[in-house]
């Protein structure tokens, strides 16, 4: 398959994760996360981002101070990179 783009893949549960049951689990809910980059079906990179996602986990798990709940819901349950990796595009 001649896919060009990025994929986030994850494995391993994180203790004390919130229960989210709306589609795919975001990357910050996994303990081991890799970002795979492909060009024309060939794997170019497989980068470990587990530590970076662990750093954003506490902010992603719920609304930040002063954030409207509706905004957090929109941010958390989308299919963009922000869904899996807040602050990353």
C-alpha atoms as a PDB file:
ATOM      1  CA  UNK A   1       0.000   0.000   0.000  1.00  0.00           C
ATOM      2  CA  UNK A   2       1.512   3.336  -0.968  1.00  0.00           C
ATOM      3  CA  UNK A   3       0.560   5.204   2.217  1.00  0.00           C
ATOM      4  CA  UNK A   4       2.264   8.507   2.977  1.00  0.00           C
ATOM      5  CA  UNK A   5       1.715   9.996   6.417  1.00  0.00           C
ATOM      6  CA  UNK A   6       2.044   9.411  10.149  1.00  0.00           C
ATOM      7  CA  UNK A   7       0.478   6.914  12.533  1.00  0.00           C
ATOM      8  CA  UNK A   8       0.506   6.862  16.316  1.00  0.00           C
ATOM      9  CA  UNK A   9       0.476   3.382  17.822  1.00  0.00           C
ATOM     10  CA  UNK A  10       0.332   2.542  21.492  1.00  0.00           C
ATOM     11  CA  UNK A  11       0.291  -0.338  23.940  1.00  0.00           C
ATOM     12  CA  UNK A  12       0.211  -0.745  27.708  1.00  0.00           C
ATOM     13  CA  UNK A  13      -2.338   0.684  30.107  1.00  0.00           C
ATOM     14  CA  UNK A  14      -1.519   3.649  32.316  1.00  0.00           C
ATOM     15  CA  UNK A  15      -2.547   3.434  35.962  1.00  0.00           C
ATOM     16  CA  UNK A  16      -5.322   5.818  37.040  1.00  0.00           C
ATOM     17  CA  UNK A  17      -6.386   6.654  33.465  1.00  0.00           C
ATOM     18  CA  UNK A  18      -9.841   8.131  33.075  1.00  0.00           C
ATOM     19  CA  UNK A  19     -12.488   5.938  31.496  1.00  0.00           C
ATOM     20  CA  UNK A  20     -13.051   7.208  27.957  1.00  0.00           C
ATOM     21  CA  UNK A  21     -15.496   5.274  25.821  1.00  0.00           C
ATOM     22  CA  UNK A  22     -15.984   7.377  22.707  1.00  0.00           C
ATOM     23  CA  UNK A  23     -14.119   5.873  19.771  1.00  0.00           C
ATOM     24  CA  UNK A  24     -10.376   5.361  19.745  1.00  0.00           C
ATOM     25  CA  UNK A  25      -8.325   5.773  22.900  1.00  0.00           C
ATOM     26  CA  UNK A  26      -5.934   8.731  22.665  1.00  0.00           C
ATOM     27  CA  UNK A  27      -2.177   8.073  22.611  1.00  0.00           C
ATOM     28  CA  UNK A  28      -1.671   9.659  26.041  1.00  0.00           C
ATOM     29  CA  UNK A  29      -3.632   6.754  27.576  1.00  0.00           C
ATOM     30  CA  UNK A  30      -0.887   4.264  26.600  1.00  0.00           C
ATOM     31  CA  UNK A  31       2.419   3.747  28.393  1.00  0.00           C
ATOM     32  CA  UNK A  32       4.370   2.931  25.214  1.00  0.00           C
ATOM     33  CA  UNK A  33       3.725   5.145  22.165  1.00  0.00           C
ATOM     34  CA  UNK A  34       5.474   5.209  18.786  1.00  0.00           C
ATOM     35  CA  UNK A  35       4.976   7.557  15.882  1.00  0.00           C
ATOM     36  CA  UNK A  36       5.486   5.846  12.539  1.00  0.00           C
ATOM     37  CA  UNK A  37       6.208   7.930   9.452  1.00  0.00           C
ATOM     38  CA  UNK A  38       5.685   6.433   5.996  1.00  0.00           C
ATOM     39  CA  UNK A  39       6.380   7.606   2.467  1.00  0.00           C
ATOM     40  CA  UNK A  40       4.951   5.637  -0.454  1.00  0.00           C
ATOM     41  CA  UNK A  41       4.393   2.646   1.830  1.00  0.00           C
ATOM     42  CA  UNK A  42       7.918   2.584   3.227  1.00  0.00           C
ATOM     43  CA  UNK A  43       8.592   3.108   6.909  1.00  0.00           C
ATOM     44  CA  UNK A  44      10.924   6.087   7.334  1.00  0.00           C
ATOM     45  CA  UNK A  45      10.943   6.495  11.119  1.00  0.00           C
ATOM     46  CA  UNK A  46       9.605   4.810  14.238  1.00  0.00           C
ATOM     47  CA  UNK A  47      10.059   7.322  17.054  1.00  0.00           C
ATOM     48  CA  UNK A  48       9.389   6.574  20.724  1.00  0.00           C
ATOM     49  CA  UNK A  49       7.280   9.401  22.194  1.00  0.00           C
ATOM     50  CA  UNK A  50       6.256   7.658  25.420  1.00  0.00           C
ATOM     51  CA  UNK A  51       8.001  10.146  27.721  1.00  0.00           C
ATOM     52  CA  UNK A  52       6.622  13.184  25.887  1.00  0.00           C
ATOM     53  CA  UNK A  53       3.063  11.870  26.114  1.00  0.00           C
ATOM     54  CA  UNK A  54       3.505  11.006  29.789  1.00  0.00           C
ATOM     55  CA  UNK A  55       4.378  14.681  30.341  1.00  0.00           C
ATOM     56  CA  UNK A  56       1.059  15.868  28.843  1.00  0.00           C
ATOM     57  CA  UNK A  57      -1.060  13.104  30.388  1.00  0.00           C
ATOM     58  CA  UNK A  58      -2.109  15.058  33.489  1.00  0.00           C
ATOM     59  CA  UNK A  59      -3.381  18.003  31.417  1.00  0.00           C
ATOM     60  CA  UNK A  60      -5.142  15.776  28.879  1.00  0.00           C
ATOM     61  CA  UNK A  61      -7.015  13.719  31.484  1.00  0.00           C
ATOM     62  CA  UNK A  62      -9.500  16.480  32.249  1.00  0.00           C
ATOM     63  CA  UNK A  63     -10.321  20.141  31.674  1.00  0.00           C
ATOM     64  CA  UNK A  64      -7.529  22.521  32.665  1.00  0.00           C
ATOM     65  CA  UNK A  65      -8.365  25.259  35.149  1.00  0.00           C
ATOM     66  CA  UNK A  66     -10.884  27.656  33.612  1.00  0.00           C
ATOM     67  CA  UNK A  67     -11.450  25.562  30.483  1.00  0.00           C
ATOM     68  CA  UNK A  68     -15.126  25.074  29.625  1.00  0.00           C
ATOM     69  CA  UNK A  69     -16.154  21.426  29.785  1.00  0.00           C
ATOM     70  CA  UNK A  70     -17.516  21.600  26.230  1.00  0.00           C
ATOM     71  CA  UNK A  71     -14.127  22.730  24.943  1.00  0.00           C
ATOM     72  CA  UNK A  72     -12.396  19.831  26.730  1.00  0.00           C
ATOM     73  CA  UNK A  73     -14.926  17.383  25.258  1.00  0.00           C
ATOM     74  CA  UNK A  74     -14.332  18.729  21.746  1.00  0.00           C
ATOM     75  CA  UNK A  75     -10.573  18.575  22.234  1.00  0.00           C
ATOM     76  CA  UNK A  76     -10.611  15.110  23.762  1.00  0.00           C
ATOM     77  CA  UNK A  77     -13.014  13.347  21.410  1.00  0.00           C
ATOM     78  CA  UNK A  78     -11.816  14.439  17.974  1.00  0.00           C
ATOM     79  CA  UNK A  79      -9.737  12.381  15.536  1.00  0.00           C
ATOM     80  CA  UNK A  80      -6.962  14.947  15.091  1.00  0.00           C
ATOM     81  CA  UNK A  81      -3.453  14.684  16.484  1.00  0.00           C
ATOM     82  CA  UNK A  82      -4.620  17.019  19.270  1.00  0.00           C
ATOM     83  CA  UNK A  83      -6.968  14.250  20.370  1.00  0.00           C
ATOM     84  CA  UNK A  84      -4.115  11.811  20.917  1.00  0.00           C
ATOM     85  CA  UNK A  85      -1.374  14.283  21.604  1.00  0.00           C
ATOM     86  CA  UNK A  86      -2.540  17.639  23.008  1.00  0.00           C
ATOM     87  CA  UNK A  87      -0.402  20.520  21.798  1.00  0.00           C
ATOM     88  CA  UNK A  88       1.108  18.610  18.865  1.00  0.00           C
ATOM     89  CA  UNK A  89       0.021  19.141  15.272  1.00  0.00           C
END
